[in-house]
Amino acid sequence: MTRQELFVLAQQKYGTAPEYPWQDDNAVLRRKDNEKWYAVVLKVAASKLGLTETGEIELLNVKCDPVLLASLRTQAGYFPAYHMNKEKWLSVCLGAPALDAAIADLLALSYELTGPKKRG
């Protein structure tokens, strides 16, 4: 899934558009009801992720269940969250078609996890 495909999905499913708080290509997706971020799209040097390739990679940061996060981080295309709480957030490579369905699912989970707290 590309950055643009992700933004189309976010607009269609959650009614949110990317915001650019740092005046660069990095973007956040924010819930309308509580203003919390549920996703961050970043360009990061591959070397900062421990990869041997050169250049930049586009990442999606999403909030994730800690148990799921631990198992996903052992798989290709998933990393400890870049510049976020590594126990609750996960980075996923954008642009890898094999991860498209997982990205859509993780975006939905992140949206749910960042929602208003349910009162018991």
N, C-alpha and C. Protein backbone atom coordinates (compact mmCIF):
# COMPACT_ATOMS: atom_id res chain seq x y z
N MET A 1 0.86 -1.17 0.00
CA MET A 1 0.00 0.00 0.00
C MET A 1 0.90 1.24 0.00
N THR A 2 0.62 2.13 -0.89
CA THR A 2 1.38 3.37 -0.93
C THR A 2 0.82 4.37 0.07
N ARG A 3 1.55 5.43 0.28
CA ARG A 3 1.10 6.52 1.15
C ARG A 3 -0.24 7.05 0.68
N GLN A 4 -0.38 7.28 -0.61
CA GLN A 4 -1.63 7.83 -1.14
C GLN A 4 -2.79 6.86 -0.99
N GLU A 5 -2.55 5.58 -1.22
CA GLU A 5 -3.60 4.57 -1.01
C GLU A 5 -4.03 4.53 0.46
N LEU A 6 -3.06 4.65 1.35
CA LEU A 6 -3.36 4.69 2.78
C LEU A 6 -4.24 5.89 3.12
N PHE A 7 -3.91 7.05 2.56
CA PHE A 7 -4.68 8.26 2.84
C PHE A 7 -6.10 8.16 2.27
N VAL A 8 -6.25 7.52 1.11
CA VAL A 8 -7.59 7.31 0.55
C VAL A 8 -8.39 6.38 1.47
N LEU A 9 -7.77 5.31 1.95
CA LEU A 9 -8.42 4.38 2.86
C LEU A 9 -8.86 5.11 4.14
N ALA A 10 -7.99 5.92 4.70
CA ALA A 10 -8.31 6.66 5.93
C ALA A 10 -9.47 7.62 5.71
N GLN A 11 -9.49 8.26 4.55
CA GLN A 11 -10.58 9.20 4.25
C GLN A 11 -11.90 8.46 4.09
N GLN A 12 -11.87 7.35 3.35
CA GLN A 12 -13.10 6.60 3.10
C GLN A 12 -13.63 5.92 4.36
N LYS A 13 -12.74 5.34 5.15
CA LYS A 13 -13.18 4.55 6.30
C LYS A 13 -13.39 5.38 7.57
N TYR A 14 -12.56 6.40 7.77
CA TYR A 14 -12.60 7.14 9.03
C TYR A 14 -12.90 8.63 8.85
N GLY A 15 -12.98 9.08 7.61
CA GLY A 15 -13.26 10.49 7.35
C GLY A 15 -12.14 11.42 7.77
N THR A 16 -10.91 10.92 7.76
CA THR A 16 -9.77 11.74 8.17
C THR A 16 -8.80 11.95 7.02
N ALA A 17 -8.18 13.10 7.02
CA ALA A 17 -7.18 13.45 6.01
C ALA A 17 -5.84 13.67 6.71
N PRO A 18 -4.74 13.48 5.99
CA PRO A 18 -3.44 13.67 6.62
C PRO A 18 -3.21 15.12 7.03
N GLU A 19 -2.52 15.28 8.13
CA GLU A 19 -2.07 16.59 8.59
C GLU A 19 -0.55 16.57 8.54
N TYR A 20 0.04 17.72 8.29
CA TYR A 20 1.49 17.83 8.17
C TYR A 20 2.03 18.82 9.21
N PRO A 21 2.15 18.37 10.47
CA PRO A 21 2.52 19.30 11.54
C PRO A 21 3.97 19.78 11.50
N TRP A 22 4.83 19.10 10.76
CA TRP A 22 6.25 19.46 10.75
C TRP A 22 6.67 20.15 9.45
N GLN A 23 5.75 20.52 8.60
CA GLN A 23 6.03 21.18 7.33
C GLN A 23 7.04 20.40 6.49
N ASP A 24 6.88 19.08 6.48
CA ASP A 24 7.67 18.22 5.60
C ASP A 24 6.76 17.11 5.08
N ASP A 25 7.32 16.02 4.59
CA ASP A 25 6.50 14.93 4.03
C ASP A 25 5.89 14.02 5.08
N ASN A 26 6.31 14.15 6.34
CA ASN A 26 5.78 13.31 7.40
C ASN A 26 4.38 13.77 7.77
N ALA A 27 3.48 12.80 7.93
CA ALA A 27 2.06 13.13 8.14
C ALA A 27 1.49 12.34 9.31
N VAL A 28 0.44 12.89 9.90
CA VAL A 28 -0.30 12.18 10.94
C VAL A 28 -1.75 12.05 10.52
N LEU A 29 -2.38 10.98 10.98
CA LEU A 29 -3.81 10.80 10.84
C LEU A 29 -4.38 10.88 12.25
N ARG A 30 -5.36 11.77 12.43
CA ARG A 30 -5.89 12.08 13.75
C ARG A 30 -7.38 11.78 13.80
N ARG A 31 -7.81 11.16 14.88
CA ARG A 31 -9.25 10.92 15.09
C ARG A 31 -9.95 12.26 15.24
N LYS A 32 -11.17 12.33 14.75
CA LYS A 32 -11.94 13.57 14.88
C LYS A 32 -12.55 13.73 16.27
N ASP A 33 -12.91 12.60 16.91
CA ASP A 33 -13.64 12.69 18.17
C ASP A 33 -12.78 13.09 19.37
N ASN A 34 -11.51 12.68 19.39
CA ASN A 34 -10.67 13.01 20.54
C ASN A 34 -9.33 13.63 20.17
N GLU A 35 -9.11 13.85 18.87
CA GLU A 35 -7.90 14.51 18.36
C GLU A 35 -6.61 13.68 18.52
N LYS A 36 -6.72 12.41 18.91
CA LYS A 36 -5.53 11.57 19.07
C LYS A 36 -5.05 11.05 17.72
N TRP A 37 -3.75 10.93 17.60
CA TRP A 37 -3.17 10.32 16.42
C TRP A 37 -3.47 8.83 16.43
N TYR A 38 -3.85 8.31 15.28
CA TYR A 38 -3.97 6.85 15.18
C TYR A 38 -2.98 6.29 14.17
N ALA A 39 -2.31 7.16 13.43
CA ALA A 39 -1.27 6.72 12.49
C ALA A 39 -0.33 7.87 12.19
N VAL A 40 0.91 7.51 11.91
CA VAL A 40 1.92 8.48 11.51
C VAL A 40 2.65 7.88 10.31
N VAL A 41 2.81 8.67 9.26
CA VAL A 41 3.54 8.23 8.07
C VAL A 41 4.84 9.02 8.02
N LEU A 42 5.96 8.29 7.98
CA LEU A 42 7.29 8.91 8.05
C LEU A 42 8.20 8.40 6.94
N LYS A 43 9.10 9.25 6.49
CA LYS A 43 10.21 8.82 5.65
C LYS A 43 11.42 8.71 6.57
N VAL A 44 12.05 7.53 6.58
CA VAL A 44 13.15 7.25 7.50
C VAL A 44 14.30 6.63 6.72
N ALA A 45 15.52 7.01 7.07
CA ALA A 45 16.69 6.39 6.45
C ALA A 45 16.70 4.90 6.80
N ALA A 46 16.90 4.07 5.80
CA ALA A 46 16.91 2.62 6.00
C ALA A 46 17.94 2.23 7.06
N SER A 47 19.06 2.93 7.08
CA SER A 47 20.12 2.61 8.05
C SER A 47 19.65 2.80 9.49
N LYS A 48 18.71 3.70 9.74
CA LYS A 48 18.20 3.92 11.11
C LYS A 48 17.36 2.75 11.58
N LEU A 49 16.93 1.91 10.66
CA LEU A 49 16.15 0.72 11.01
C LEU A 49 17.01 -0.53 11.06
N GLY A 50 18.32 -0.34 10.87
CA GLY A 50 19.23 -1.48 10.89
C GLY A 50 19.32 -2.22 9.57
N LEU A 51 18.79 -1.61 8.51
CA LEU A 51 18.81 -2.25 7.19
C LEU A 51 20.10 -1.89 6.47
N THR A 52 20.54 -2.75 5.57
CA THR A 52 21.78 -2.51 4.84
C THR A 52 21.56 -1.66 3.60
N GLU A 53 20.33 -1.55 3.14
CA GLU A 53 20.07 -0.76 1.94
C GLU A 53 20.25 0.74 2.22
N THR A 54 20.40 1.50 1.16
CA THR A 54 20.56 2.95 1.30
C THR A 54 19.26 3.65 0.95
N GLY A 55 19.19 4.91 1.24
CA GLY A 55 18.01 5.68 0.91
C GLY A 55 16.98 5.67 2.03
N GLU A 56 15.81 6.20 1.70
CA GLU A 56 14.74 6.31 2.69
C GLU A 56 13.64 5.28 2.44
N ILE A 57 12.97 4.93 3.51
CA ILE A 57 11.84 4.01 3.47
C ILE A 57 10.64 4.74 4.05
N GLU A 58 9.46 4.49 3.49
CA GLU A 58 8.25 5.06 4.07
C GLU A 58 7.69 4.07 5.08
N LEU A 59 7.44 4.56 6.27
CA LEU A 59 6.90 3.74 7.35
C LEU A 59 5.54 4.24 7.78
N LEU A 60 4.74 3.33 8.25
CA LEU A 60 3.48 3.65 8.91
C LEU A 60 3.63 3.23 10.36
N ASN A 61 3.45 4.19 11.28
CA ASN A 61 3.41 3.88 12.71
C ASN A 61 1.96 3.76 13.13
N VAL A 62 1.64 2.66 13.81
CA VAL A 62 0.28 2.43 14.31
C VAL A 62 0.35 1.94 15.74
N LYS A 63 -0.68 2.27 16.52
CA LYS A 63 -0.79 1.73 17.87
C LYS A 63 -1.23 0.28 17.73
N CYS A 64 -0.70 -0.58 18.60
CA CYS A 64 -0.92 -2.01 18.42
C CYS A 64 -1.03 -2.70 19.77
N ASP A 65 -1.74 -3.79 19.81
CA ASP A 65 -1.81 -4.63 20.99
C ASP A 65 -0.41 -5.19 21.26
N PRO A 66 0.10 -5.10 22.50
CA PRO A 66 1.46 -5.54 22.80
C PRO A 66 1.77 -6.99 22.42
N VAL A 67 0.81 -7.90 22.57
CA VAL A 67 1.05 -9.31 22.22
C VAL A 67 1.21 -9.46 20.71
N LEU A 68 0.32 -8.83 19.96
CA LEU A 68 0.40 -8.87 18.50
C LEU A 68 1.68 -8.19 18.03
N LEU A 69 2.00 -7.07 18.63
CA LEU A 69 3.20 -6.32 18.28
C LEU A 69 4.44 -7.20 18.40
N ALA A 70 4.55 -7.92 19.49
CA ALA A 70 5.73 -8.77 19.71
C ALA A 70 5.88 -9.83 18.63
N SER A 71 4.78 -10.42 18.19
CA SER A 71 4.88 -11.45 17.15
C SER A 71 5.15 -10.84 15.77
N LEU A 72 4.55 -9.69 15.49
CA LEU A 72 4.77 -9.07 14.18
C LEU A 72 6.20 -8.58 14.00
N ARG A 73 6.81 -8.09 15.07
CA ARG A 73 8.16 -7.54 14.94
C ARG A 73 9.20 -8.58 14.56
N THR A 74 8.85 -9.85 14.61
CA THR A 74 9.78 -10.90 14.18
C THR A 74 9.67 -11.16 12.68
N GLN A 75 8.71 -10.51 12.02
CA GLN A 75 8.47 -10.74 10.59
C GLN A 75 9.06 -9.61 9.74
N ALA A 76 9.37 -9.94 8.50
CA ALA A 76 9.92 -8.95 7.57
C ALA A 76 8.91 -7.82 7.33
N GLY A 77 9.41 -6.59 7.30
CA GLY A 77 8.58 -5.44 7.01
C GLY A 77 8.02 -4.75 8.24
N TYR A 78 8.27 -5.32 9.42
CA TYR A 78 7.80 -4.75 10.68
C TYR A 78 9.00 -4.37 11.55
N PHE A 79 8.88 -3.25 12.25
CA PHE A 79 9.99 -2.75 13.06
C PHE A 79 9.46 -2.18 14.37
N PRO A 80 10.36 -2.08 15.37
CA PRO A 80 9.96 -1.32 16.56
C PRO A 80 9.56 0.09 16.12
N ALA A 81 8.59 0.65 16.77
CA ALA A 81 8.07 1.96 16.36
C ALA A 81 9.17 3.00 16.30
N TYR A 82 9.19 3.73 15.20
CA TYR A 82 10.19 4.77 15.03
C TYR A 82 9.67 6.05 15.70
N HIS A 83 10.39 6.54 16.68
CA HIS A 83 10.06 7.76 17.42
C HIS A 83 8.73 7.71 18.16
N MET A 84 8.30 6.51 18.56
CA MET A 84 7.06 6.36 19.33
C MET A 84 7.34 5.32 20.42
N ASN A 85 6.39 5.15 21.32
CA ASN A 85 6.49 4.17 22.39
C ASN A 85 6.58 2.77 21.77
N LYS A 86 7.72 2.13 21.93
CA LYS A 86 7.96 0.84 21.27
C LYS A 86 7.18 -0.32 21.89
N GLU A 87 6.58 -0.11 23.06
CA GLU A 87 5.77 -1.15 23.68
C GLU A 87 4.33 -1.11 23.20
N LYS A 88 3.90 0.02 22.62
CA LYS A 88 2.51 0.16 22.20
C LYS A 88 2.34 0.54 20.74
N TRP A 89 3.44 0.88 20.06
CA TRP A 89 3.37 1.29 18.66
C TRP A 89 4.30 0.42 17.83
N LEU A 90 3.95 0.28 16.56
CA LEU A 90 4.66 -0.59 15.62
C LEU A 90 4.88 0.18 14.32
N SER A 91 6.04 -0.01 13.69
CA SER A 91 6.29 0.55 12.37
C SER A 91 6.16 -0.55 11.32
N VAL A 92 5.51 -0.21 10.20
CA VAL A 92 5.31 -1.15 9.10
C VAL A 92 5.77 -0.47 7.82
N CYS A 93 6.48 -1.19 6.97
CA CYS A 93 6.92 -0.63 5.69
C CYS A 93 5.73 -0.43 4.76
N LEU A 94 5.66 0.75 4.19
CA LEU A 94 4.68 1.00 3.14
C LEU A 94 5.30 0.61 1.80
N GLY A 95 4.46 0.28 0.84
CA GLY A 95 4.95 -0.02 -0.50
C GLY A 95 5.25 -1.49 -0.75
N ALA A 96 4.96 -2.35 0.22
CA ALA A 96 5.15 -3.79 0.04
C ALA A 96 3.77 -4.43 -0.12
N PRO A 97 3.36 -4.75 -1.36
CA PRO A 97 2.01 -5.27 -1.60
C PRO A 97 1.61 -6.45 -0.71
N ALA A 98 2.57 -7.27 -0.31
CA ALA A 98 2.26 -8.42 0.54
C ALA A 98 1.74 -7.98 1.92
N LEU A 99 2.00 -6.73 2.31
CA LEU A 99 1.57 -6.24 3.62
C LEU A 99 0.28 -5.43 3.56
N ASP A 100 -0.31 -5.25 2.37
CA ASP A 100 -1.48 -4.37 2.22
C ASP A 100 -2.64 -4.75 3.14
N ALA A 101 -3.00 -6.01 3.18
CA ALA A 101 -4.14 -6.42 4.01
C ALA A 101 -3.81 -6.22 5.49
N ALA A 102 -2.59 -6.55 5.87
CA ALA A 102 -2.17 -6.37 7.27
C ALA A 102 -2.18 -4.89 7.64
N ILE A 103 -1.76 -4.03 6.72
CA ILE A 103 -1.76 -2.59 7.00
C ILE A 103 -3.18 -2.09 7.23
N ALA A 104 -4.11 -2.52 6.41
CA ALA A 104 -5.52 -2.11 6.59
C ALA A 104 -6.04 -2.59 7.94
N ASP A 105 -5.71 -3.82 8.32
CA ASP A 105 -6.15 -4.36 9.61
C ASP A 105 -5.49 -3.62 10.77
N LEU A 106 -4.21 -3.34 10.65
CA LEU A 106 -3.50 -2.63 11.72
C LEU A 106 -3.99 -1.19 11.86
N LEU A 107 -4.34 -0.57 10.74
CA LEU A 107 -4.88 0.79 10.79
C LEU A 107 -6.21 0.78 11.55
N ALA A 108 -7.06 -0.22 11.27
CA ALA A 108 -8.34 -0.35 11.97
C ALA A 108 -8.13 -0.58 13.46
N LEU A 109 -7.17 -1.43 13.82
CA LEU A 109 -6.89 -1.70 15.23
C LEU A 109 -6.37 -0.44 15.91
N SER A 110 -5.48 0.28 15.26
CA SER A 110 -4.95 1.51 15.84
C SER A 110 -6.04 2.55 16.05
N TYR A 111 -6.93 2.65 15.08
CA TYR A 111 -8.07 3.59 15.21
C TYR A 111 -8.90 3.22 16.44
N GLU A 112 -9.14 1.93 16.60
CA GLU A 112 -9.94 1.47 17.75
C GLU A 112 -9.20 1.73 19.07
N LEU A 113 -7.90 1.41 19.11
CA LEU A 113 -7.12 1.55 20.34
C LEU A 113 -6.94 3.01 20.77
N THR A 114 -7.02 3.93 19.84
CA THR A 114 -6.85 5.35 20.18
C THR A 114 -8.18 6.04 20.43
N GLY A 115 -9.27 5.29 20.37
CA GLY A 115 -10.60 5.86 20.58
C GLY A 115 -10.86 6.20 22.03
N PRO A 116 -11.99 6.86 22.25
CA PRO A 116 -12.36 7.19 23.63
C PRO A 116 -12.48 5.93 24.49
N LYS A 117 -12.08 6.05 25.71
CA LYS A 117 -12.16 4.92 26.64
C LYS A 117 -13.62 4.54 26.89
N LYS A 118 -13.88 3.25 26.84
CA LYS A 118 -15.25 2.78 27.10
C LYS A 118 -15.48 2.70 28.59
N ARG A 119 -16.58 3.23 29.02
CA ARG A 119 -16.90 3.20 30.45
C ARG A 119 -17.68 1.93 30.75
N GLY A 120 -17.26 1.27 31.82
CA GLY A 120 -17.79 -0.01 32.17
C GLY A 120 -19.13 -0.02 32.72
